[in-house]
């Protein structure tokens, strides 16, 4: 195995590892670093549940080589809360009942965060379009859209 030294900044913490050259970002986050909020489902980039933020942009961690993310800022759902204080998106997902099984929730929230960074005052249509790459089987999306719009309104 060809293991390469690499530095990752995960949720603001520097992590130095030896990484297989062909390891996927999802594998490094979940297997090597023990991050539990990154989920994997399809292994093909179709469902979006493996989404993390890389330098504040959503990426599919099941398709990205880990070495492509070295020396960059990686944010997972664990990196949004400040101690016990939930990020407004996390709080509104809970308050609006946008969490059912929770499997897609980390990816939905991270994708919504990137959307709100780019478009602080989205319409419902903007939210639908922005979240369209992350599939949810449980909620029917209405409560998710409501939660994202509530978080956007809070930040006005």
N, C-alpha and C. Protein backbone atom coordinates (compact mmCIF):
# COMPACT_ATOMS: atom_id res chain seq x y z
N UNK A 1 0.82 -1.18 0.00
CA UNK A 1 0.00 0.00 0.00
C UNK A 1 0.87 1.25 0.00
N UNK A 2 0.45 2.21 -0.77
CA UNK A 2 1.15 3.47 -0.86
C UNK A 2 0.47 4.47 0.08
N UNK A 3 1.03 4.67 1.26
CA UNK A 3 0.45 5.60 2.24
C UNK A 3 1.23 6.91 2.19
N UNK A 4 0.49 8.01 2.13
CA UNK A 4 1.06 9.33 1.94
C UNK A 4 0.71 10.19 3.14
N UNK A 5 1.69 10.92 3.69
CA UNK A 5 1.35 11.83 4.80
C UNK A 5 0.47 12.97 4.29
N UNK A 6 -0.55 13.28 5.06
CA UNK A 6 -1.47 14.35 4.66
C UNK A 6 -2.02 15.05 5.89
N UNK A 7 -2.27 16.33 5.75
CA UNK A 7 -2.89 17.13 6.79
C UNK A 7 -4.29 17.52 6.34
N UNK A 8 -5.24 17.30 7.22
CA UNK A 8 -6.63 17.68 6.98
C UNK A 8 -7.06 18.60 8.11
N UNK A 9 -7.89 19.56 7.79
CA UNK A 9 -8.47 20.45 8.80
C UNK A 9 -9.96 20.13 8.86
N UNK A 10 -10.33 19.33 9.86
CA UNK A 10 -11.69 18.85 9.98
C UNK A 10 -12.37 19.57 11.14
N UNK A 11 -13.39 20.32 10.81
CA UNK A 11 -14.13 21.09 11.82
C UNK A 11 -13.21 21.97 12.65
N UNK A 12 -12.22 22.54 11.97
CA UNK A 12 -11.31 23.48 12.62
C UNK A 12 -10.14 22.85 13.34
N UNK A 13 -10.03 21.52 13.30
CA UNK A 13 -8.96 20.82 14.01
C UNK A 13 -8.00 20.21 12.99
N UNK A 14 -6.73 20.47 13.17
CA UNK A 14 -5.71 19.89 12.29
C UNK A 14 -5.55 18.41 12.61
N UNK A 15 -5.57 17.60 11.57
CA UNK A 15 -5.39 16.15 11.71
C UNK A 15 -4.34 15.70 10.72
N UNK A 16 -3.26 15.10 11.22
CA UNK A 16 -2.19 14.58 10.38
C UNK A 16 -2.31 13.07 10.32
N UNK A 17 -2.33 12.54 9.10
CA UNK A 17 -2.54 11.12 8.90
C UNK A 17 -1.64 10.59 7.79
N UNK A 18 -1.52 9.28 7.77
CA UNK A 18 -0.99 8.58 6.61
C UNK A 18 -2.19 8.02 5.88
N UNK A 19 -2.34 8.37 4.59
CA UNK A 19 -3.54 8.05 3.84
C UNK A 19 -3.17 7.23 2.62
N UNK A 20 -3.94 6.18 2.36
CA UNK A 20 -3.77 5.43 1.12
C UNK A 20 -4.03 6.37 -0.05
N UNK A 21 -3.23 6.25 -1.08
CA UNK A 21 -3.34 7.14 -2.24
C UNK A 21 -4.72 7.08 -2.89
N UNK A 22 -5.37 5.93 -2.83
CA UNK A 22 -6.68 5.78 -3.46
C UNK A 22 -7.85 5.85 -2.48
N UNK A 23 -7.60 6.27 -1.23
CA UNK A 23 -8.67 6.36 -0.24
C UNK A 23 -9.62 7.51 -0.58
N UNK A 24 -10.89 7.26 -0.38
CA UNK A 24 -11.90 8.29 -0.60
C UNK A 24 -12.03 9.16 0.65
N UNK A 25 -12.47 10.39 0.46
CA UNK A 25 -12.63 11.30 1.59
C UNK A 25 -13.58 10.71 2.62
N UNK A 26 -14.67 10.09 2.17
CA UNK A 26 -15.61 9.46 3.10
C UNK A 26 -14.90 8.45 4.00
N UNK A 27 -14.05 7.62 3.40
CA UNK A 27 -13.36 6.58 4.16
C UNK A 27 -12.44 7.18 5.21
N UNK A 28 -11.71 8.22 4.85
CA UNK A 28 -10.80 8.85 5.81
C UNK A 28 -11.59 9.49 6.94
N UNK A 29 -12.66 10.19 6.60
CA UNK A 29 -13.46 10.85 7.64
C UNK A 29 -14.09 9.83 8.58
N UNK A 30 -14.73 8.81 8.02
CA UNK A 30 -15.45 7.86 8.89
C UNK A 30 -14.54 6.81 9.51
N UNK A 31 -13.67 6.21 8.72
CA UNK A 31 -12.85 5.10 9.22
C UNK A 31 -11.62 5.57 10.00
N UNK A 32 -10.90 6.53 9.45
CA UNK A 32 -9.66 6.96 10.09
C UNK A 32 -9.88 8.01 11.17
N UNK A 33 -10.85 8.89 10.98
CA UNK A 33 -11.05 9.98 11.93
C UNK A 33 -12.28 9.79 12.82
N UNK A 34 -13.08 8.78 12.56
CA UNK A 34 -14.21 8.47 13.43
C UNK A 34 -15.36 9.47 13.37
N UNK A 35 -15.48 10.20 12.28
CA UNK A 35 -16.58 11.14 12.12
C UNK A 35 -17.85 10.34 11.82
N UNK A 36 -18.85 10.46 12.67
CA UNK A 36 -20.04 9.62 12.50
C UNK A 36 -21.17 10.32 11.75
N UNK A 37 -21.09 11.62 11.52
CA UNK A 37 -22.17 12.34 10.86
C UNK A 37 -22.09 12.34 9.35
N UNK A 38 -21.09 11.68 8.79
CA UNK A 38 -20.99 11.56 7.33
C UNK A 38 -21.50 10.18 6.96
N UNK A 39 -22.55 10.15 6.17
CA UNK A 39 -23.17 8.88 5.83
C UNK A 39 -22.87 8.50 4.38
N UNK A 40 -22.99 7.21 4.12
CA UNK A 40 -22.76 6.70 2.77
C UNK A 40 -23.94 5.81 2.41
N UNK A 41 -24.36 5.92 1.17
CA UNK A 41 -25.49 5.12 0.74
C UNK A 41 -25.26 4.48 -0.62
N UNK A 42 -25.10 5.29 -1.66
CA UNK A 42 -25.11 4.76 -3.01
C UNK A 42 -23.73 4.46 -3.60
N UNK A 43 -22.68 5.06 -3.06
CA UNK A 43 -21.31 4.89 -3.58
C UNK A 43 -21.14 5.41 -5.01
N UNK A 44 -22.10 6.18 -5.52
CA UNK A 44 -22.02 6.66 -6.90
C UNK A 44 -22.28 8.15 -7.03
N UNK A 45 -22.53 8.83 -5.92
CA UNK A 45 -22.81 10.26 -5.98
C UNK A 45 -24.23 10.59 -6.39
N UNK A 46 -25.11 9.60 -6.40
CA UNK A 46 -26.50 9.84 -6.80
C UNK A 46 -27.38 10.40 -5.69
N UNK A 47 -27.10 10.04 -4.43
CA UNK A 47 -28.03 10.37 -3.36
C UNK A 47 -27.65 11.61 -2.56
N UNK A 48 -26.38 11.95 -2.52
CA UNK A 48 -25.94 13.15 -1.82
C UNK A 48 -25.78 13.03 -0.32
N UNK A 49 -26.07 11.88 0.28
CA UNK A 49 -26.03 11.81 1.74
C UNK A 49 -24.61 11.85 2.31
N UNK A 50 -23.61 11.74 1.46
CA UNK A 50 -22.22 11.79 1.93
C UNK A 50 -21.64 13.21 1.86
N UNK A 51 -22.49 14.19 1.60
CA UNK A 51 -22.02 15.57 1.40
C UNK A 51 -21.35 16.13 2.66
N UNK A 52 -20.21 16.75 2.43
CA UNK A 52 -19.51 17.56 3.44
C UNK A 52 -19.18 18.88 2.76
N UNK A 53 -18.75 19.85 3.55
CA UNK A 53 -18.31 21.12 2.98
C UNK A 53 -16.80 21.11 2.89
N UNK A 54 -16.30 21.47 1.74
CA UNK A 54 -14.86 21.59 1.51
C UNK A 54 -14.63 23.05 1.15
N UNK A 55 -13.95 23.77 2.06
CA UNK A 55 -13.80 25.22 1.90
C UNK A 55 -15.16 25.86 1.67
N UNK A 56 -16.14 25.44 2.45
CA UNK A 56 -17.52 25.96 2.45
C UNK A 56 -18.34 25.61 1.21
N UNK A 57 -17.85 24.73 0.36
CA UNK A 57 -18.60 24.28 -0.81
C UNK A 57 -18.97 22.81 -0.64
N UNK A 58 -20.21 22.43 -0.97
CA UNK A 58 -20.59 21.02 -0.82
C UNK A 58 -19.88 20.12 -1.83
N UNK A 59 -19.38 18.99 -1.31
CA UNK A 59 -18.76 17.97 -2.16
C UNK A 59 -19.27 16.60 -1.72
N UNK A 60 -19.25 15.67 -2.65
CA UNK A 60 -19.65 14.30 -2.36
C UNK A 60 -18.42 13.53 -1.90
N UNK A 61 -18.38 13.20 -0.64
CA UNK A 61 -17.19 12.56 -0.08
C UNK A 61 -17.01 11.13 -0.55
N UNK A 62 -18.05 10.52 -1.11
CA UNK A 62 -17.91 9.15 -1.63
C UNK A 62 -17.25 9.11 -3.00
N UNK A 63 -17.11 10.28 -3.63
CA UNK A 63 -16.51 10.34 -4.97
C UNK A 63 -15.15 11.04 -4.98
N UNK A 64 -14.79 11.70 -3.91
CA UNK A 64 -13.58 12.50 -3.88
C UNK A 64 -12.44 11.76 -3.22
N UNK A 65 -11.30 11.75 -3.86
CA UNK A 65 -10.12 11.19 -3.22
C UNK A 65 -9.75 12.05 -2.02
N UNK A 66 -9.40 11.41 -0.94
CA UNK A 66 -9.06 12.15 0.28
C UNK A 66 -7.91 13.12 0.04
N UNK A 67 -6.94 12.72 -0.74
CA UNK A 67 -5.78 13.58 -0.95
C UNK A 67 -6.14 14.89 -1.66
N UNK A 68 -7.28 14.91 -2.36
CA UNK A 68 -7.74 16.16 -2.97
C UNK A 68 -8.18 17.17 -1.91
N UNK A 69 -8.45 16.69 -0.72
CA UNK A 69 -8.93 17.56 0.36
C UNK A 69 -7.84 17.93 1.37
N UNK A 70 -6.63 17.47 1.14
CA UNK A 70 -5.59 17.78 2.11
C UNK A 70 -5.29 19.28 2.11
N UNK A 71 -4.95 19.77 3.29
CA UNK A 71 -4.64 21.18 3.53
C UNK A 71 -5.82 22.11 3.27
N UNK A 72 -7.02 21.56 3.27
CA UNK A 72 -8.23 22.36 3.05
C UNK A 72 -9.17 22.20 4.24
N UNK A 73 -10.12 23.11 4.36
CA UNK A 73 -11.08 23.09 5.46
C UNK A 73 -12.25 22.17 5.13
N UNK A 74 -12.44 21.15 5.96
CA UNK A 74 -13.54 20.21 5.79
C UNK A 74 -14.50 20.43 6.96
N UNK A 75 -15.77 20.64 6.63
CA UNK A 75 -16.78 20.81 7.68
C UNK A 75 -17.79 19.68 7.55
N UNK A 76 -18.02 19.01 8.68
CA UNK A 76 -19.06 17.99 8.77
C UNK A 76 -20.14 18.54 9.70
N UNK A 77 -21.22 17.82 9.85
CA UNK A 77 -22.32 18.28 10.69
C UNK A 77 -21.84 18.53 12.12
N UNK A 78 -20.84 17.78 12.57
CA UNK A 78 -20.32 17.95 13.92
C UNK A 78 -19.66 19.32 14.10
N UNK A 79 -19.26 19.95 13.01
CA UNK A 79 -18.56 21.22 13.09
C UNK A 79 -19.46 22.45 13.10
N UNK A 80 -20.77 22.27 12.99
CA UNK A 80 -21.66 23.42 12.95
C UNK A 80 -22.05 23.96 14.32
N UNK A 81 -22.35 23.09 15.24
CA UNK A 81 -22.76 23.54 16.58
C UNK A 81 -21.57 24.16 17.30
N UNK A 82 -21.85 25.11 18.14
CA UNK A 82 -20.83 25.72 19.00
C UNK A 82 -21.08 25.23 20.42
N UNK A 83 -20.37 24.17 20.79
CA UNK A 83 -20.62 23.55 22.10
C UNK A 83 -22.02 22.94 22.08
N UNK A 84 -22.84 23.34 23.03
CA UNK A 84 -24.22 22.84 23.11
C UNK A 84 -25.19 23.67 22.29
N UNK A 85 -24.72 24.78 21.72
CA UNK A 85 -25.60 25.67 20.95
C UNK A 85 -25.64 25.23 19.49
N UNK A 86 -26.82 24.79 19.07
CA UNK A 86 -26.98 24.33 17.69
C UNK A 86 -26.89 25.50 16.71
N UNK A 87 -26.39 25.22 15.53
CA UNK A 87 -26.43 26.17 14.43
C UNK A 87 -27.91 26.42 14.12
N UNK A 88 -28.29 27.63 13.67
CA UNK A 88 -29.70 27.88 13.36
C UNK A 88 -30.33 26.85 12.41
N UNK A 89 -29.59 26.37 11.43
CA UNK A 89 -30.15 25.34 10.56
C UNK A 89 -30.45 24.07 11.33
N UNK A 90 -29.54 23.65 12.19
CA UNK A 90 -29.78 22.45 12.99
C UNK A 90 -31.02 22.64 13.87
N UNK A 91 -31.10 23.78 14.53
CA UNK A 91 -32.22 24.05 15.43
C UNK A 91 -33.55 24.08 14.67
N UNK A 92 -33.58 24.74 13.53
CA UNK A 92 -34.83 24.81 12.77
C UNK A 92 -35.22 23.46 12.17
N UNK A 93 -34.26 22.64 11.81
CA UNK A 93 -34.60 21.29 11.36
C UNK A 93 -35.31 20.53 12.48
N UNK A 94 -34.86 20.70 13.70
CA UNK A 94 -35.51 20.04 14.84
C UNK A 94 -36.89 20.66 15.08
N UNK A 95 -36.92 21.99 15.19
CA UNK A 95 -38.18 22.68 15.51
C UNK A 95 -39.27 22.46 14.46
N UNK A 96 -38.90 22.37 13.20
CA UNK A 96 -39.88 22.23 12.12
C UNK A 96 -40.22 20.77 11.82
N UNK A 97 -39.60 19.84 12.53
CA UNK A 97 -39.86 18.43 12.28
C UNK A 97 -39.30 17.95 10.96
N UNK A 98 -38.20 18.56 10.52
CA UNK A 98 -37.58 18.20 9.24
C UNK A 98 -36.70 16.97 9.34
N UNK A 99 -36.63 16.40 10.52
CA UNK A 99 -35.81 15.21 10.73
C UNK A 99 -36.74 14.02 10.92
N UNK A 100 -36.61 13.05 10.08
CA UNK A 100 -37.38 11.81 10.24
C UNK A 100 -36.39 10.73 10.68
N UNK A 101 -35.87 9.97 9.74
CA UNK A 101 -34.90 8.94 10.11
C UNK A 101 -33.54 9.57 10.42
N UNK A 102 -33.28 10.75 9.85
CA UNK A 102 -32.04 11.46 10.12
C UNK A 102 -30.87 11.10 9.23
N UNK A 103 -31.05 10.13 8.36
CA UNK A 103 -29.92 9.67 7.56
C UNK A 103 -29.41 10.74 6.60
N UNK A 104 -30.32 11.46 5.96
CA UNK A 104 -29.91 12.50 5.01
C UNK A 104 -29.69 13.85 5.70
N UNK A 105 -30.10 13.99 6.94
CA UNK A 105 -30.11 15.28 7.62
C UNK A 105 -28.75 15.98 7.64
N UNK A 106 -27.64 15.32 7.98
CA UNK A 106 -26.37 16.04 7.96
C UNK A 106 -26.06 16.64 6.59
N UNK A 107 -26.27 15.88 5.55
CA UNK A 107 -26.01 16.37 4.19
C UNK A 107 -26.97 17.50 3.82
N UNK A 108 -28.23 17.37 4.18
CA UNK A 108 -29.21 18.42 3.89
C UNK A 108 -28.81 19.73 4.57
N UNK A 109 -28.43 19.63 5.83
CA UNK A 109 -28.07 20.84 6.59
C UNK A 109 -26.80 21.47 6.02
N UNK A 110 -25.81 20.67 5.70
CA UNK A 110 -24.57 21.22 5.14
C UNK A 110 -24.81 21.84 3.76
N UNK A 111 -25.62 21.19 2.94
CA UNK A 111 -25.95 21.74 1.63
C UNK A 111 -26.74 23.03 1.80
N UNK A 112 -27.65 23.06 2.76
CA UNK A 112 -28.42 24.28 3.04
C UNK A 112 -27.52 25.40 3.52
N UNK A 113 -26.51 25.07 4.31
CA UNK A 113 -25.57 26.09 4.78
C UNK A 113 -24.84 26.72 3.59
N UNK A 114 -24.38 25.90 2.67
CA UNK A 114 -23.71 26.43 1.48
C UNK A 114 -24.68 27.29 0.66
N UNK A 115 -25.92 26.85 0.56
CA UNK A 115 -26.93 27.63 -0.16
C UNK A 115 -27.12 28.99 0.49
N UNK A 116 -27.28 29.02 1.81
CA UNK A 116 -27.50 30.29 2.51
C UNK A 116 -26.28 31.19 2.47
N UNK A 117 -25.10 30.60 2.41
CA UNK A 117 -23.90 31.43 2.24
C UNK A 117 -23.92 32.14 0.88
N UNK A 118 -24.38 31.43 -0.14
CA UNK A 118 -24.41 31.98 -1.50
C UNK A 118 -25.64 32.84 -1.75
N UNK A 119 -26.74 32.51 -1.09
CA UNK A 119 -28.02 33.19 -1.32
C UNK A 119 -28.72 33.35 0.04
N UNK A 120 -28.38 34.40 0.79
CA UNK A 120 -28.88 34.56 2.15
C UNK A 120 -30.40 34.68 2.27
N UNK A 121 -31.08 35.08 1.22
CA UNK A 121 -32.53 35.28 1.26
C UNK A 121 -33.20 34.48 0.14
N UNK A 122 -33.14 33.14 0.25
CA UNK A 122 -33.67 32.32 -0.84
C UNK A 122 -35.19 32.26 -0.84
N UNK A 123 -35.73 32.00 -2.00
CA UNK A 123 -37.16 31.68 -2.11
C UNK A 123 -37.30 30.17 -1.88
N UNK A 124 -38.53 29.72 -1.75
CA UNK A 124 -38.76 28.28 -1.61
C UNK A 124 -38.23 27.55 -2.84
N UNK A 125 -38.37 28.16 -4.00
CA UNK A 125 -37.87 27.54 -5.24
C UNK A 125 -36.34 27.45 -5.22
N UNK A 126 -35.68 28.49 -4.69
CA UNK A 126 -34.22 28.46 -4.56
C UNK A 126 -33.79 27.31 -3.65
N UNK A 127 -34.52 27.10 -2.56
CA UNK A 127 -34.18 26.03 -1.62
C UNK A 127 -34.39 24.68 -2.30
N UNK A 128 -35.49 24.51 -2.99
CA UNK A 128 -35.74 23.25 -3.71
C UNK A 128 -34.60 22.95 -4.67
N UNK A 129 -34.23 23.94 -5.44
CA UNK A 129 -33.15 23.76 -6.42
C UNK A 129 -31.82 23.49 -5.72
N UNK A 130 -31.54 24.25 -4.66
CA UNK A 130 -30.27 24.12 -3.94
C UNK A 130 -30.09 22.78 -3.26
N UNK A 131 -31.17 22.19 -2.82
CA UNK A 131 -31.10 20.90 -2.12
C UNK A 131 -31.41 19.72 -3.03
N UNK A 132 -31.60 19.96 -4.29
CA UNK A 132 -32.07 18.90 -5.20
C UNK A 132 -31.10 17.73 -5.34
N UNK A 133 -29.84 17.90 -5.01
CA UNK A 133 -28.88 16.82 -5.13
C UNK A 133 -28.81 15.89 -3.93
N UNK A 134 -29.60 16.18 -2.90
CA UNK A 134 -29.61 15.34 -1.70
C UNK A 134 -31.00 14.73 -1.56
N UNK A 135 -31.04 13.41 -1.59
CA UNK A 135 -32.32 12.71 -1.55
C UNK A 135 -32.77 12.42 -0.13
N UNK A 136 -34.07 12.56 0.08
CA UNK A 136 -34.69 12.23 1.37
C UNK A 136 -35.87 11.32 1.07
N UNK A 137 -35.93 10.22 1.77
CA UNK A 137 -37.02 9.27 1.54
C UNK A 137 -38.16 9.44 2.53
N UNK A 138 -37.97 10.22 3.59
CA UNK A 138 -38.93 10.24 4.69
C UNK A 138 -39.83 11.47 4.77
N UNK A 139 -39.29 12.64 4.46
CA UNK A 139 -40.01 13.86 4.84
C UNK A 139 -40.92 14.45 3.78
N UNK A 140 -40.71 14.15 2.53
CA UNK A 140 -41.46 14.82 1.48
C UNK A 140 -40.95 16.24 1.23
N UNK A 141 -39.88 16.63 1.87
CA UNK A 141 -39.15 17.88 1.64
C UNK A 141 -39.83 19.14 2.17
N UNK A 142 -41.14 19.17 2.36
CA UNK A 142 -41.80 20.41 2.77
C UNK A 142 -41.26 20.96 4.08
N UNK A 143 -41.08 20.10 5.05
CA UNK A 143 -40.57 20.56 6.35
C UNK A 143 -39.11 20.98 6.25
N UNK A 144 -38.36 20.35 5.37
CA UNK A 144 -36.96 20.74 5.15
C UNK A 144 -36.91 22.14 4.57
N UNK A 145 -37.73 22.39 3.57
CA UNK A 145 -37.77 23.72 2.95
C UNK A 145 -38.18 24.77 3.98
N UNK A 146 -39.19 24.46 4.77
CA UNK A 146 -39.64 25.38 5.83
C UNK A 146 -38.51 25.67 6.81
N UNK A 147 -37.76 24.65 7.19
CA UNK A 147 -36.66 24.83 8.15
C UNK A 147 -35.57 25.73 7.57
N UNK A 148 -35.21 25.52 6.31
CA UNK A 148 -34.17 26.34 5.68
C UNK A 148 -34.64 27.78 5.57
N UNK A 149 -35.88 27.99 5.18
CA UNK A 149 -36.41 29.35 5.08
C UNK A 149 -36.46 30.03 6.44
N UNK A 150 -36.80 29.29 7.49
CA UNK A 150 -36.82 29.84 8.84
C UNK A 150 -35.42 30.25 9.29
N UNK A 151 -34.44 29.43 8.98
CA UNK A 151 -33.05 29.76 9.33
C UNK A 151 -32.59 30.99 8.57
N UNK A 152 -32.98 31.09 7.32
CA UNK A 152 -32.61 32.27 6.51
C UNK A 152 -33.25 33.52 7.08
N UNK A 153 -34.51 33.41 7.48
CA UNK A 153 -35.21 34.56 8.03
C UNK A 153 -34.57 35.00 9.35
N UNK A 154 -34.13 34.04 10.14
CA UNK A 154 -33.49 34.36 11.43
C UNK A 154 -32.22 35.17 11.23
N UNK A 155 -31.51 34.92 10.14
CA UNK A 155 -30.23 35.60 9.92
C UNK A 155 -30.39 36.98 9.28
N UNK A 156 -31.62 37.38 8.99
CA UNK A 156 -31.86 38.71 8.37
C UNK A 156 -31.53 39.83 9.34
